[in-house]
Structure formats: structure tokens, C-alpha cells
Amino acid sequence: MATATAMDGVRHRTVEVNGVRLHVAEAGPEDGAVVLFLHGFPDLWYGWRHQMAALAARGYRAVAPDLRGYGDSAVPPDAANYTTFHVVGDLVALIADLGQPQVFVVGHDWGAIVAWQLCLLRPDLVRALVNLSVAYHPRGPERSPVQAIKALCGEDHYICVFQKPGVAEAEFAKNDLKYELKKIFGMRKPAPLIIAKDKSFFDSIDSDGSCPPWLSEEDVSYYAENFEKTGFTGALNYYRCIDLNWELSAPWTGVPINVPTKFIVGDLDVTYNTPGVKDFIKKGGFKASVPNLEDVIVMEGVGHFINQEKPKEVSDHIYEFFSKF
């Protein structure tokens, strides 16, 4: 498997956008329709390497930034600099730099959340969307997301634990980084990730720390090198802005996502198995919030990192959908 530095046809550059520096990887013809790929946690542009190659081979210009806080992009220290308004602002400026009035967008995990918000705030910039793993949940006015998670899953849910600055960082510093990344990427627990009082975050993940069959040791080394450089505070700050995002987004309460959309999730994905999510997706709540949701694909036997575990299938789904527009 090719490493990040040896991938054929991938170009790397740095773009100054919205007051920060973004590292951007690109593949495919520069005059091709842009497909903007947005990664999640703890990922990088590199998580899209398979889809970039597949879409570039079909004539698209595949563009995958390291989001702020990750990889070779800027890592602002203050959690308040990671609201969806900051990150969406980065993408609006990046799209302007790419020189096309509209782009296709693909998001996974936190990248999916950011993609939903981009479509909510600037639907004029998005031609069509494919999102993976995280469905769109409209803003609930009654209580904040962290309050809702505590009510549903208790204070030991990993998102609640991630709220405290320095706590998760200290835990990530305890173990070998490659082992930690293999644990996370190998996660296949179809239930909420609850951290027991006498357990660590990594103890609560069901994988054994061996390298998943869809990753190589070289892939893991690339991830480890990047997170050794940046640490995890920037990535964790996305979680620490969840309630701030809720406060700031009050004017958009009840506003639907109107961009044409396809959604893909694995049936072993922890997000899909969060209480209430399957019913929300299957019984009409998701469609009501995303009226132009054209398809929902649930892939059997697949975990959270679906774009890397099933690269060809996901690439084909993306191409099939975008080729309509």
C-alpha cells in the first residue's frame, strides 16, 4: 500500500484561509469538478486516499484538507476557535480559492458534522453531498447536546469525558501512540462508548490493538507521525465546542438541509448504534430534516471507519451519486 509521501498523483500545498493555514492534498485534473473531502477524528486528509484516487481516475478534482487542528494545518490553542462557524469559514475560503462556484462534498465523522453545517449555512456552495457515519440531527431547543448525551448515556459517555481540557490529552500520552490509533481504528463496538469508572478510554474500546486488515503499518506510522507533531488538543477541541455551537446556532433552529444528499453508514458503527439513531434514520426523522435525502445505505458488518474499511464500495457510491449532477 502506498504511503502518504509516495501516493501517485497527489499534490500538496498550503492555503491561507480565514486567518489560518490549511494543508491541502489534491488529485485529479485541475479543471475537473471539485469533490471536497472532510475527515473526522482522529483522522487526516489521508483517510480519503482511496476515494481521492478513485474519483481522480474518473475525472474529478479530489481535494482533501487537514482541517484546522490536524496534520500540517494550523492548530489554534483555544477551544473557542473550533466552532463550526470557524471551520465552515475555513471551507468557504478554501472553496473560493479553488475557483469553482460550487463543489461536491463528502464528509465522515466530524467531517460529516462540518459538512452538514456547510450545507446549512452556505447551501449555494454545495452541488451535492455524500455523508458517512453521522446523520444530521437538527438543533433541539430544549437542552444542549452535552446535556442530552448525559441524560441518554450518563456522564461517562466519551463525549462528556472529552469536555475537560487536559484529561483526554493525559490519557492519550500514557500509551504507545500507534497502539492507541490501532485501537480506535479497529473499534467495532455496536453500542455507546461508555468509559467505566475503573477503566480508561482505550480500555473501553473493544478492539485488541492489532492493526486492522484494511490498514498497513505504514499507514499507522503516517498517522502517528502527524499526531506526535500536533498532539490531540486541536482535534479534541471540536468536542469541546459542541455546546458553544448549540448556543451560536439558535437562529437556525428547525432549518432543514436542502442539498441533495446520500448517507452511508456501517451497521457496526458506534454512531449508528447510539440509542435512538436507528429509529431517527428509519422512521422519517432524518428525511424530514434533510428533505432531499435521496438514499440511505447501511453496509453490513462494517464499523465506523467505513471509507477505509470498504474503500471501493464507498468510492463507487460517491461516484454513482455525484454523476447524476
C-alpha atoms as a PDB file:
ATOM      1  CA  MET A   1       0.000   0.000   0.000  1.00  0.00           C
ATOM      2  CA  ALA A   2       1.358   3.429  -0.895  1.00  0.00           C
ATOM      3  CA  THR A   3       2.367   5.746   1.896  1.00  0.00           C
ATOM      4  CA  ALA A   4       1.286   9.360   2.122  1.00  0.00           C
ATOM      5  CA  THR A   5       4.522  10.663   0.663  1.00  0.00           C
ATOM      6  CA  ALA A   6       4.567   8.188  -2.217  1.00  0.00           C
ATOM      7  CA  MET A   7       0.974   8.250  -3.432  1.00  0.00           C
ATOM      8  CA  ASP A   8       0.956   8.660  -7.180  1.00  0.00           C
ATOM      9  CA  GLY A   9      -0.656  11.837  -8.423  1.00  0.00           C
ATOM     10  CA  VAL A  10      -1.241  13.556  -5.068  1.00  0.00           C
ATOM     11  CA  ARG A  11      -0.260  17.211  -4.917  1.00  0.00           C
ATOM     12  CA  HIS A  12       0.262  19.052  -1.628  1.00  0.00           C
ATOM     13  CA  ARG A  13       0.022  22.760  -0.952  1.00  0.00           C
ATOM     14  CA  THR A  14      -0.685  25.234   1.834  1.00  0.00           C
ATOM     15  CA  VAL A  15      -3.532  27.734   1.623  1.00  0.00           C
ATOM     16  CA  GLU A  16      -4.072  30.762   3.867  1.00  0.00           C
ATOM     17  CA  VAL A  17      -7.808  30.913   4.613  1.00  0.00           C
ATOM     18  CA  ASN A  18      -9.923  32.644   7.245  1.00  0.00           C
ATOM     19  CA  GLY A  19      -6.864  33.627   9.279  1.00  0.00           C
ATOM     20  CA  VAL A  20      -5.356  30.107   9.442  1.00  0.00           C
ATOM     21  CA  ARG A  21      -3.079  27.911   7.359  1.00  0.00           C
ATOM     22  CA  LEU A  22      -4.586  24.783   5.813  1.00  0.00           C
ATOM     23  CA  HIS A  23      -2.638  21.902   4.322  1.00  0.00           C
ATOM     24  CA  VAL A  24      -4.491  20.621   1.254  1.00  0.00           C
ATOM     25  CA  ALA A  25      -3.939  17.389  -0.684  1.00  0.00           C
ATOM     26  CA  GLU A  26      -5.270  17.181  -4.240  1.00  0.00           C
ATOM     27  CA  ALA A  27      -5.516  14.620  -7.026  1.00  0.00           C
ATOM     28  CA  GLY A  28      -7.037  14.624 -10.488  1.00  0.00           C
ATOM     29  CA  PRO A  29      -7.266  17.248 -13.228  1.00  0.00           C
ATOM     30  CA  GLU A  30      -7.246  20.852 -12.012  1.00  0.00           C
ATOM     31  CA  ASP A  31     -10.146  21.679 -14.315  1.00  0.00           C
ATOM     32  CA  GLY A  32     -12.283  18.778 -13.049  1.00  0.00           C
ATOM     33  CA  ALA A  33     -15.377  19.242 -10.902  1.00  0.00           C
ATOM     34  CA  VAL A  34     -14.211  19.554  -7.288  1.00  0.00           C
ATOM     35  CA  VAL A  35     -15.012  16.896  -4.711  1.00  0.00           C
ATOM     36  CA  LEU A  36     -14.156  18.259  -1.257  1.00  0.00           C
ATOM     37  CA  PHE A  37     -13.396  15.520   1.299  1.00  0.00           C
ATOM     38  CA  LEU A  38     -13.713  16.318   5.037  1.00  0.00           C
ATOM     39  CA  HIS A  39     -12.148  13.945   7.564  1.00  0.00           C
ATOM     40  CA  GLY A  40     -13.119  13.199  11.150  1.00  0.00           C
ATOM     41  CA  PHE A  41     -11.460  12.194  14.448  1.00  0.00           C
ATOM     42  CA  PRO A  42      -8.712  11.061  14.778  1.00  0.00           C
ATOM     43  CA  ASP A  43      -8.099  11.234  11.059  1.00  0.00           C
ATOM     44  CA  LEU A  44      -6.365  13.319   8.415  1.00  0.00           C
ATOM     45  CA  TRP A  45      -6.675  14.042   4.703  1.00  0.00           C
ATOM     46  CA  TYR A  46      -5.018  10.636   4.348  1.00  0.00           C
ATOM     47  CA  GLY A  47      -8.193   8.820   5.354  1.00  0.00           C
ATOM     48  CA  TRP A  48      -9.573   9.707   1.903  1.00  0.00           C
ATOM     49  CA  ARG A  49      -6.603   8.395  -0.110  1.00  0.00           C
ATOM     50  CA  HIS A  50      -8.648   5.588  -1.717  1.00  0.00           C
ATOM     51  CA  GLN A  51     -11.583   7.828  -2.651  1.00  0.00           C
ATOM     52  CA  MET A  52      -9.248  10.526  -3.963  1.00  0.00           C
ATOM     53  CA  ALA A  53      -7.599   8.058  -6.331  1.00  0.00           C
ATOM     54  CA  ALA A  54     -10.938   6.621  -7.457  1.00  0.00           C
ATOM     55  CA  LEU A  55     -12.578   9.992  -8.132  1.00  0.00           C
ATOM     56  CA  ALA A  56      -9.460  11.442  -9.750  1.00  0.00           C
ATOM     57  CA  ALA A  57      -9.385   8.481 -12.144  1.00  0.00           C
ATOM     58  CA  ARG A  58     -12.935   9.398 -13.158  1.00  0.00           C
ATOM     59  CA  GLY A  59     -12.032  12.980 -13.982  1.00  0.00           C
ATOM     60  CA  TYR A  60     -12.851  14.774 -10.726  1.00  0.00           C
ATOM     61  CA  ARG A  61     -10.533  17.113  -8.843  1.00  0.00           C
ATOM     62  CA  ALA A  62     -10.323  15.479  -5.402  1.00  0.00           C
ATOM     63  CA  VAL A  63      -9.440  17.959  -2.648  1.00  0.00           C
ATOM     64  CA  ALA A  64      -8.831  16.864   0.954  1.00  0.00           C
ATOM     65  CA  PRO A  65      -7.634  19.351   3.566  1.00  0.00           C
ATOM     66  CA  ASP A  66      -6.308  18.635   7.007  1.00  0.00           C
ATOM     67  CA  LEU A  67      -8.968  20.505   8.990  1.00  0.00           C
ATOM     68  CA  ARG A  68      -7.733  23.126  11.446  1.00  0.00           C
ATOM     69  CA  GLY A  69      -6.170  21.400  14.444  1.00  0.00           C
ATOM     70  CA  TYR A  70      -4.887  18.464  12.397  1.00  0.00           C
ATOM     71  CA  GLY A  71      -1.819  17.381  10.450  1.00  0.00           C
ATOM     72  CA  ASP A  72       0.058  20.125   8.655  1.00  0.00           C
ATOM     73  CA  SER A  73      -2.711  22.704   9.150  1.00  0.00           C
ATOM     74  CA  ALA A  74      -2.695  25.372  11.849  1.00  0.00           C
ATOM     75  CA  VAL A  75      -3.524  24.289  15.404  1.00  0.00           C
ATOM     76  CA  PRO A  76      -5.068  27.232  17.286  1.00  0.00           C
ATOM     77  CA  PRO A  77      -4.764  26.513  21.039  1.00  0.00           C
ATOM     78  CA  ASP A  78      -8.083  27.989  22.218  1.00  0.00           C
ATOM     79  CA  ALA A  79     -11.118  25.689  22.068  1.00  0.00           C
ATOM     80  CA  ALA A  80     -13.310  28.658  21.137  1.00  0.00           C
ATOM     81  CA  ASN A  81     -11.521  28.756  17.768  1.00  0.00           C
ATOM     82  CA  TYR A  82     -13.062  25.424  16.728  1.00  0.00           C
ATOM     83  CA  THR A  83     -16.742  26.273  16.389  1.00  0.00           C
ATOM     84  CA  THR A  84     -18.470  25.109  13.239  1.00  0.00           C
ATOM     85  CA  PHE A  85     -18.536  28.764  12.190  1.00  0.00           C
ATOM     86  CA  HIS A  86     -14.727  28.871  12.273  1.00  0.00           C
ATOM     87  CA  VAL A  87     -14.351  25.566  10.426  1.00  0.00           C
ATOM     88  CA  VAL A  88     -17.092  26.317   7.892  1.00  0.00           C
ATOM     89  CA  GLY A  89     -15.432  29.696   7.370  1.00  0.00           C
ATOM     90  CA  ASP A  90     -12.204  27.873   6.527  1.00  0.00           C
ATOM     91  CA  LEU A  91     -14.056  25.820   3.910  1.00  0.00           C
ATOM     92  CA  VAL A  92     -15.869  28.800   2.384  1.00  0.00           C
ATOM     93  CA  ALA A  93     -12.498  30.486   1.867  1.00  0.00           C
ATOM     94  CA  LEU A  94     -10.968  27.260   0.531  1.00  0.00           C
ATOM     95  CA  ILE A  95     -13.819  26.838  -1.971  1.00  0.00           C
ATOM     96  CA  ALA A  96     -13.240  30.410  -3.143  1.00  0.00           C
ATOM     97  CA  ASP A  97      -9.551  29.582  -3.593  1.00  0.00           C
ATOM     98  CA  LEU A  98     -10.461  26.549  -5.701  1.00  0.00           C
ATOM     99  CA  GLY A  99     -12.154  28.853  -8.181  1.00  0.00           C
ATOM    100  CA  GLN A 100     -15.416  26.975  -8.737  1.00  0.00           C
ATOM    101  CA  PRO A 101     -18.847  28.349  -7.783  1.00  0.00           C
ATOM    102  CA  GLN A 102     -19.993  25.005  -6.358  1.00  0.00           C
ATOM    103  CA  VAL A 103     -18.330  21.813  -5.147  1.00  0.00           C
ATOM    104  CA  PHE A 104     -19.366  18.292  -4.287  1.00  0.00           C
ATOM    105  CA  VAL A 105     -18.785  17.467  -0.609  1.00  0.00           C
ATOM    106  CA  VAL A 106     -18.056  14.196   1.201  1.00  0.00           C
ATOM    107  CA  GLY A 107     -17.752  14.064   4.997  1.00  0.00           C
ATOM    108  CA  HIS A 108     -17.055  11.438   7.639  1.00  0.00           C
ATOM    109  CA  ASP A 109     -17.466  11.631  11.433  1.00  0.00           C
ATOM    110  CA  TRP A 110     -16.657  15.228  12.482  1.00  0.00           C
ATOM    111  CA  GLY A 111     -16.161  15.987   8.811  1.00  0.00           C
ATOM    112  CA  ALA A 112     -19.781  14.940   8.283  1.00  0.00           C
ATOM    113  CA  ILE A 113     -20.913  17.318  11.029  1.00  0.00           C
ATOM    114  CA  VAL A 114     -18.960  20.138   9.410  1.00  0.00           C
ATOM    115  CA  ALA A 115     -20.398  19.191   6.009  1.00  0.00           C
ATOM    116  CA  TRP A 116     -23.960  19.345   7.385  1.00  0.00           C
ATOM    117  CA  GLN A 117     -23.226  22.814   8.762  1.00  0.00           C
ATOM    118  CA  LEU A 118     -21.677  23.965   5.490  1.00  0.00           C
ATOM    119  CA  CYS A 119     -24.867  22.854   3.721  1.00  0.00           C
ATOM    120  CA  LEU A 120     -26.991  24.600   6.341  1.00  0.00           C
ATOM    121  CA  LEU A 121     -25.107  27.901   6.261  1.00  0.00           C
ATOM    122  CA  ARG A 122     -23.961  28.027   2.613  1.00  0.00           C
ATOM    123  CA  PRO A 123     -26.103  25.662   0.524  1.00  0.00           C
ATOM    124  CA  ASP A 124     -25.307  27.792  -2.510  1.00  0.00           C
ATOM    125  CA  LEU A 125     -21.749  26.417  -2.487  1.00  0.00           C
ATOM    126  CA  VAL A 126     -22.642  22.710  -2.415  1.00  0.00           C
ATOM    127  CA  ARG A 127     -23.788  20.877  -5.528  1.00  0.00           C
ATOM    128  CA  ALA A 128     -24.496  17.578  -3.730  1.00  0.00           C
ATOM    129  CA  LEU A 129     -23.423  15.812  -0.532  1.00  0.00           C
ATOM    130  CA  VAL A 130     -22.408  12.305   0.490  1.00  0.00           C
ATOM    131  CA  ASN A 131     -22.040  11.965   4.262  1.00  0.00           C
ATOM    132  CA  LEU A 132     -20.743   8.968   6.161  1.00  0.00           C
ATOM    133  CA  SER A 133     -21.484   7.717   9.694  1.00  0.00           C
ATOM    134  CA  VAL A 134     -23.026  10.795  11.352  1.00  0.00           C
ATOM    135  CA  ALA A 135     -26.620  11.667  10.440  1.00  0.00           C
ATOM    136  CA  TYR A 136     -27.922  15.224  10.587  1.00  0.00           C
ATOM    137  CA  HIS A 137     -29.723  15.997  13.828  1.00  0.00           C
ATOM    138  CA  PRO A 138     -31.485  19.355  13.820  1.00  0.00           C
ATOM    139  CA  ARG A 139     -30.879  21.677  16.739  1.00  0.00           C
ATOM    140  CA  GLY A 140     -33.039  20.817  19.727  1.00  0.00           C
ATOM    141  CA  PRO A 141     -34.049  23.986  21.592  1.00  0.00           C
ATOM    142  CA  GLU A 142     -34.767  22.299  24.932  1.00  0.00           C
ATOM    143  CA  ARG A 143     -31.259  21.357  26.095  1.00  0.00           C
ATOM    144  CA  SER A 144     -27.693  21.414  24.862  1.00  0.00           C
ATOM    145  CA  PRO A 145     -26.102  18.390  23.173  1.00  0.00           C
ATOM    146  CA  VAL A 146     -23.868  17.558  26.143  1.00  0.00           C
ATOM    147  CA  GLN A 147     -26.866  17.743  28.475  1.00  0.00           C
ATOM    148  CA  ALA A 148     -28.780  15.463  26.108  1.00  0.00           C
ATOM    149  CA  ILE A 149     -25.908  12.950  25.973  1.00  0.00           C
ATOM    150  CA  LYS A 150     -25.673  12.900  29.768  1.00  0.00           C
ATOM    151  CA  ALA A 151     -29.414  12.303  30.041  1.00  0.00           C
ATOM    152  CA  LEU A 152     -29.282   9.483  27.481  1.00  0.00           C
ATOM    153  CA  CYS A 153     -25.977   7.761  28.284  1.00  0.00           C
ATOM    154  CA  GLY A 154     -24.711   9.211  31.576  1.00  0.00           C
ATOM    155  CA  GLU A 155     -21.676  11.314  32.429  1.00  0.00           C
ATOM    156  CA  ASP A 156     -19.248   8.532  31.468  1.00  0.00           C
ATOM    157  CA  HIS A 157     -20.028   8.763  27.766  1.00  0.00           C
ATOM    158  CA  TYR A 158     -16.775   9.521  25.961  1.00  0.00           C
ATOM    159  CA  ILE A 159     -18.014  12.869  24.615  1.00  0.00           C
ATOM    160  CA  CYS A 160     -18.737  14.030  28.167  1.00  0.00           C
ATOM    161  CA  VAL A 161     -15.297  12.872  29.307  1.00  0.00           C
ATOM    162  CA  PHE A 162     -13.658  14.702  26.406  1.00  0.00           C
ATOM    163  CA  GLN A 163     -15.099  18.022  27.612  1.00  0.00           C
ATOM    164  CA  LYS A 164     -12.469  18.566  30.332  1.00  0.00           C
ATOM    165  CA  PRO A 165      -9.300  20.211  28.970  1.00  0.00           C
ATOM    166  CA  GLY A 166      -6.179  18.155  29.545  1.00  0.00           C
ATOM    167  CA  VAL A 167      -7.882  14.983  30.787  1.00  0.00           C
ATOM    168  CA  ALA A 168      -8.108  13.143  27.479  1.00  0.00           C
ATOM    169  CA  GLU A 169      -4.730  14.510  26.409  1.00  0.00           C
ATOM    170  CA  ALA A 170      -3.132  12.980  29.505  1.00  0.00           C
ATOM    171  CA  GLU A 171      -4.692   9.636  28.741  1.00  0.00           C
ATOM    172  CA  PHE A 172      -3.536   9.729  25.125  1.00  0.00           C
ATOM    173  CA  ALA A 173       0.005  10.377  26.409  1.00  0.00           C
ATOM    174  CA  LYS A 174       0.068   7.229  28.560  1.00  0.00           C
ATOM    175  CA  ASN A 175       0.346   4.597  25.843  1.00  0.00           C
ATOM    176  CA  ASP A 176       2.171   3.942  22.616  1.00  0.00           C
ATOM    177  CA  LEU A 177       0.541   6.163  20.006  1.00  0.00           C
ATOM    178  CA  LYS A 178       0.469   3.514  17.288  1.00  0.00           C
ATOM    179  CA  TYR A 179      -1.267   1.118  19.678  1.00  0.00           C
ATOM    180  CA  GLU A 180      -3.854   3.782  20.547  1.00  0.00           C
ATOM    181  CA  LEU A 181      -4.577   4.541  16.905  1.00  0.00           C
ATOM    182  CA  LYS A 182      -4.948   0.842  16.082  1.00  0.00           C
ATOM    183  CA  LYS A 183      -7.395   0.504  18.985  1.00  0.00           C
ATOM    184  CA  ILE A 184      -9.524   3.372  17.698  1.00  0.00           C
ATOM    185  CA  PHE A 185      -9.422   2.362  14.033  1.00  0.00           C
ATOM    186  CA  GLY A 186     -10.246  -1.229  14.961  1.00  0.00           C
ATOM    187  CA  MET A 187     -13.275  -0.232  17.039  1.00  0.00           C
ATOM    188  CA  ARG A 188     -16.366  -2.245  16.148  1.00  0.00           C
ATOM    189  CA  LYS A 189     -18.434  -1.860  19.312  1.00  0.00           C
ATOM    190  CA  PRO A 190     -22.105  -1.556  18.305  1.00  0.00           C
ATOM    191  CA  ALA A 191     -23.087   0.331  21.460  1.00  0.00           C
ATOM    192  CA  PRO A 192     -22.464   3.743  23.079  1.00  0.00           C
ATOM    193  CA  LEU A 193     -18.825   4.159  24.092  1.00  0.00           C
ATOM    194  CA  ILE A 194     -19.056   4.432  27.873  1.00  0.00           C
ATOM    195  CA  ILE A 195     -15.883   4.785  29.943  1.00  0.00           C
ATOM    196  CA  ALA A 196     -16.294   2.810  33.163  1.00  0.00           C
ATOM    197  CA  LYS A 197     -15.058   4.429  36.374  1.00  0.00           C
ATOM    198  CA  ASP A 198     -12.158   1.983  36.761  1.00  0.00           C
ATOM    199  CA  LYS A 199     -11.316   1.931  33.039  1.00  0.00           C
ATOM    200  CA  SER A 200      -9.582   4.222  30.577  1.00  0.00           C
ATOM    201  CA  PHE A 201     -10.901   5.390  27.221  1.00  0.00           C
ATOM    202  CA  PHE A 202      -8.757   2.787  25.482  1.00  0.00           C
ATOM    203  CA  ASP A 203      -9.834   0.039  27.901  1.00  0.00           C
ATOM    204  CA  SER A 204     -13.415   0.771  26.841  1.00  0.00           C
ATOM    205  CA  ILE A 205     -12.744   0.127  23.149  1.00  0.00           C
ATOM    206  CA  ASP A 206     -13.404  -3.458  22.150  1.00  0.00           C
ATOM    207  CA  SER A 207     -10.510  -3.870  19.683  1.00  0.00           C
ATOM    208  CA  ASP A 208      -7.293  -5.546  20.826  1.00  0.00           C
ATOM    209  CA  GLY A 209      -4.833  -3.040  19.403  1.00  0.00           C
ATOM    210  CA  SER A 210      -3.753  -5.155  16.448  1.00  0.00           C
ATOM    211  CA  CYS A 211      -3.613  -3.470  13.057  1.00  0.00           C
ATOM    212  CA  PRO A 212      -6.962  -3.704  11.235  1.00  0.00           C
ATOM    213  CA  PRO A 213      -6.670  -5.672   7.992  1.00  0.00           C
ATOM    214  CA  TRP A 214      -7.596  -2.626   5.943  1.00  0.00           C
ATOM    215  CA  LEU A 215      -4.666  -0.575   7.312  1.00  0.00           C
ATOM    216  CA  SER A 216      -0.944  -1.147   6.857  1.00  0.00           C
ATOM    217  CA  GLU A 217       1.774  -0.469   9.408  1.00  0.00           C
ATOM    218  CA  GLU A 218       2.954   2.307   7.081  1.00  0.00           C
ATOM    219  CA  ASP A 219      -0.495   3.899   7.234  1.00  0.00           C
ATOM    220  CA  VAL A 220      -0.475   3.802  11.035  1.00  0.00           C
ATOM    221  CA  SER A 221       3.038   5.274  11.095  1.00  0.00           C
ATOM    222  CA  TYR A 222       1.868   8.214   8.980  1.00  0.00           C
ATOM    223  CA  TYR A 223      -0.976   8.928  11.398  1.00  0.00           C
ATOM    224  CA  ALA A 224       1.331   8.567  14.405  1.00  0.00           C
ATOM    225  CA  GLU A 225       3.926  10.946  12.967  1.00  0.00           C
ATOM    226  CA  ASN A 226       1.271  13.609  12.449  1.00  0.00           C
ATOM    227  CA  PHE A 227      -0.302  13.304  15.900  1.00  0.00           C
ATOM    228  CA  GLU A 228       3.109  13.242  17.551  1.00  0.00           C
ATOM    229  CA  LYS A 229       3.650  16.618  15.903  1.00  0.00           C
ATOM    230  CA  THR A 230       0.303  18.232  16.735  1.00  0.00           C
ATOM    231  CA  GLY A 231      -0.917  16.386  19.814  1.00  0.00           C
ATOM    232  CA  PHE A 232      -4.648  15.853  20.237  1.00  0.00           C
ATOM    233  CA  THR A 233      -5.828  19.134  21.756  1.00  0.00           C
ATOM    234  CA  GLY A 234      -6.863  20.652  18.423  1.00  0.00           C
ATOM    235  CA  ALA A 235      -8.820  17.539  17.486  1.00  0.00           C
ATOM    236  CA  LEU A 236     -10.449  17.314  20.924  1.00  0.00           C
ATOM    237  CA  ASN A 237     -11.437  20.983  20.805  1.00  0.00           C
ATOM    238  CA  TYR A 238     -14.121  20.092  18.255  1.00  0.00           C
ATOM    239  CA  TYR A 239     -15.861  18.118  21.012  1.00  0.00           C
ATOM    240  CA  ARG A 240     -15.358  20.973  23.471  1.00  0.00           C
ATOM    241  CA  CYS A 241     -17.266  23.320  21.167  1.00  0.00           C
ATOM    242  CA  ILE A 242     -20.392  21.178  20.946  1.00  0.00           C
ATOM    243  CA  ASP A 243     -22.416  23.226  23.409  1.00  0.00           C
ATOM    244  CA  LEU A 244     -20.980  26.518  22.157  1.00  0.00           C
ATOM    245  CA  ASN A 245     -22.059  25.548  18.642  1.00  0.00           C
ATOM    246  CA  TRP A 246     -25.540  24.882  20.012  1.00  0.00           C
ATOM    247  CA  GLU A 247     -25.686  28.332  21.605  1.00  0.00           C
ATOM    248  CA  LEU A 248     -24.423  30.098  18.486  1.00  0.00           C
ATOM    249  CA  SER A 249     -26.750  28.243  16.110  1.00  0.00           C
ATOM    250  CA  ALA A 250     -30.033  29.242  17.783  1.00  0.00           C
ATOM    251  CA  PRO A 251     -31.180  31.253  14.714  1.00  0.00           C
ATOM    252  CA  TRP A 252     -31.077  28.047  12.638  1.00  0.00           C
ATOM    253  CA  THR A 253     -33.355  26.032  14.908  1.00  0.00           C
ATOM    254  CA  GLY A 254     -35.643  23.900  12.750  1.00  0.00           C
ATOM    255  CA  VAL A 255     -33.984  24.853   9.466  1.00  0.00           C
ATOM    256  CA  PRO A 256     -33.672  21.790   7.176  1.00  0.00           C
ATOM    257  CA  ILE A 257     -30.750  20.750   4.973  1.00  0.00           C
ATOM    258  CA  ASN A 258     -31.927  21.171   1.378  1.00  0.00           C
ATOM    259  CA  VAL A 259     -28.852  19.959  -0.528  1.00  0.00           C
ATOM    260  CA  PRO A 260     -29.248  16.669  -2.473  1.00  0.00           C
ATOM    261  CA  THR A 261     -27.797  14.042  -0.139  1.00  0.00           C
ATOM    262  CA  LYS A 262     -26.762  10.404   0.112  1.00  0.00           C
ATOM    263  CA  PHE A 263     -25.945   8.869   3.512  1.00  0.00           C
ATOM    264  CA  ILE A 264     -23.792   5.795   4.165  1.00  0.00           C
ATOM    265  CA  VAL A 265     -23.182   4.056   7.499  1.00  0.00           C
ATOM    266  CA  GLY A 266     -21.912   0.705   8.755  1.00  0.00           C
ATOM    267  CA  ASP A 267     -24.214  -1.407  10.908  1.00  0.00           C
ATOM    268  CA  LEU A 268     -21.382  -1.841  13.462  1.00  0.00           C
ATOM    269  CA  ASP A 269     -20.690   1.885  13.653  1.00  0.00           C
ATOM    270  CA  VAL A 270     -20.891   3.172  17.225  1.00  0.00           C
ATOM    271  CA  THR A 271     -22.704   6.298  15.990  1.00  0.00           C
ATOM    272  CA  TYR A 272     -25.391   4.235  14.250  1.00  0.00           C
ATOM    273  CA  ASN A 273     -25.925   2.212  17.433  1.00  0.00           C
ATOM    274  CA  THR A 274     -26.337   5.200  19.722  1.00  0.00           C
ATOM    275  CA  PRO A 275     -29.810   4.943  21.315  1.00  0.00           C
ATOM    276  CA  GLY A 276     -32.476   6.477  19.105  1.00  0.00           C
ATOM    277  CA  VAL A 277     -30.352   6.932  15.996  1.00  0.00           C
ATOM    278  CA  LYS A 278     -31.625   3.921  14.025  1.00  0.00           C
ATOM    279  CA  ASP A 279     -35.243   4.920  14.625  1.00  0.00           C
ATOM    280  CA  PHE A 280     -34.456   8.522  13.672  1.00  0.00           C
ATOM    281  CA  ILE A 281     -32.959   7.348  10.370  1.00  0.00           C
ATOM    282  CA  LYS A 282     -35.510   4.638   9.566  1.00  0.00           C
ATOM    283  CA  LYS A 283     -38.765   6.220  10.744  1.00  0.00           C
ATOM    284  CA  GLY A 284     -38.705   9.535   8.963  1.00  0.00           C
ATOM    285  CA  GLY A 285     -36.979  11.978  11.287  1.00  0.00           C
ATOM    286  CA  PHE A 286     -33.843  12.077   9.162  1.00  0.00           C
ATOM    287  CA  LYS A 287     -35.771  12.558   5.922  1.00  0.00           C
ATOM    288  CA  ALA A 288     -37.855  15.322   7.485  1.00  0.00           C
ATOM    289  CA  SER A 289     -34.654  17.163   8.434  1.00  0.00           C
ATOM    290  CA  VAL A 290     -32.973  16.514   5.066  1.00  0.00           C
ATOM    291  CA  PRO A 291     -35.853  16.669   2.530  1.00  0.00           C
ATOM    292  CA  ASN A 292     -33.576  15.961  -0.449  1.00  0.00           C
ATOM    293  CA  LEU A 293     -32.111  12.845   1.152  1.00  0.00           C
ATOM    294  CA  GLU A 294     -32.161  10.508  -1.838  1.00  0.00           C
ATOM    295  CA  ASP A 295     -30.646   7.346  -0.397  1.00  0.00           C
ATOM    296  CA  VAL A 296     -29.524   5.722   2.865  1.00  0.00           C
ATOM    297  CA  ILE A 297     -27.023   2.860   2.600  1.00  0.00           C
ATOM    298  CA  VAL A 298     -26.424   0.643   5.645  1.00  0.00           C
ATOM    299  CA  MET A 299     -23.410  -1.590   4.991  1.00  0.00           C
ATOM    300  CA  GLU A 300     -23.462  -4.870   6.889  1.00  0.00           C
ATOM    301  CA  GLY A 301     -20.525  -5.962   9.018  1.00  0.00           C
ATOM    302  CA  VAL A 302     -18.769  -2.596   8.710  1.00  0.00           C
ATOM    303  CA  GLY A 303     -17.514  -0.383  11.532  1.00  0.00           C
ATOM    304  CA  HIS A 304     -17.002   3.342  11.926  1.00  0.00           C
ATOM    305  CA  PHE A 305     -14.108   3.999   9.534  1.00  0.00           C
ATOM    306  CA  ILE A 306     -16.189   2.908   6.585  1.00  0.00           C
ATOM    307  CA  ASN A 307     -14.309   4.835   3.891  1.00  0.00           C
ATOM    308  CA  GLN A 308     -11.103   2.966   4.706  1.00  0.00           C
ATOM    309  CA  GLU A 309     -12.631  -0.415   5.573  1.00  0.00           C
ATOM    310  CA  LYS A 310     -14.690  -0.598   2.364  1.00  0.00           C
ATOM    311  CA  PRO A 311     -12.870   1.814   0.043  1.00  0.00           C
ATOM    312  CA  LYS A 312     -14.089   0.556  -3.329  1.00  0.00           C
ATOM    313  CA  GLU A 313     -17.730   0.283  -2.267  1.00  0.00           C
ATOM    314  CA  VAL A 314     -17.735   3.759  -0.741  1.00  0.00           C
ATOM    315  CA  SER A 315     -15.923   5.254  -3.747  1.00  0.00           C
ATOM    316  CA  ASP A 316     -18.455   3.675  -6.103  1.00  0.00           C
ATOM    317  CA  HIS A 317     -21.374   5.012  -4.050  1.00  0.00           C
ATOM    318  CA  ILE A 318     -19.889   8.512  -4.146  1.00  0.00           C
ATOM    319  CA  TYR A 319     -19.294   8.409  -7.894  1.00  0.00           C
ATOM    320  CA  GLU A 320     -22.717   6.936  -8.623  1.00  0.00           C
ATOM    321  CA  PHE A 321     -24.429   9.755  -6.746  1.00  0.00           C
ATOM    322  CA  PHE A 322     -22.339  12.672  -7.963  1.00  0.00           C
ATOM    323  CA  SER A 323     -22.502  11.531 -11.590  1.00  0.00           C
ATOM    324  CA  LYS A 324     -26.195  12.486 -11.587  1.00  0.00           C
ATOM    325  CA  PHE A 325     -25.432  16.185 -11.195  1.00  0.00           C
END
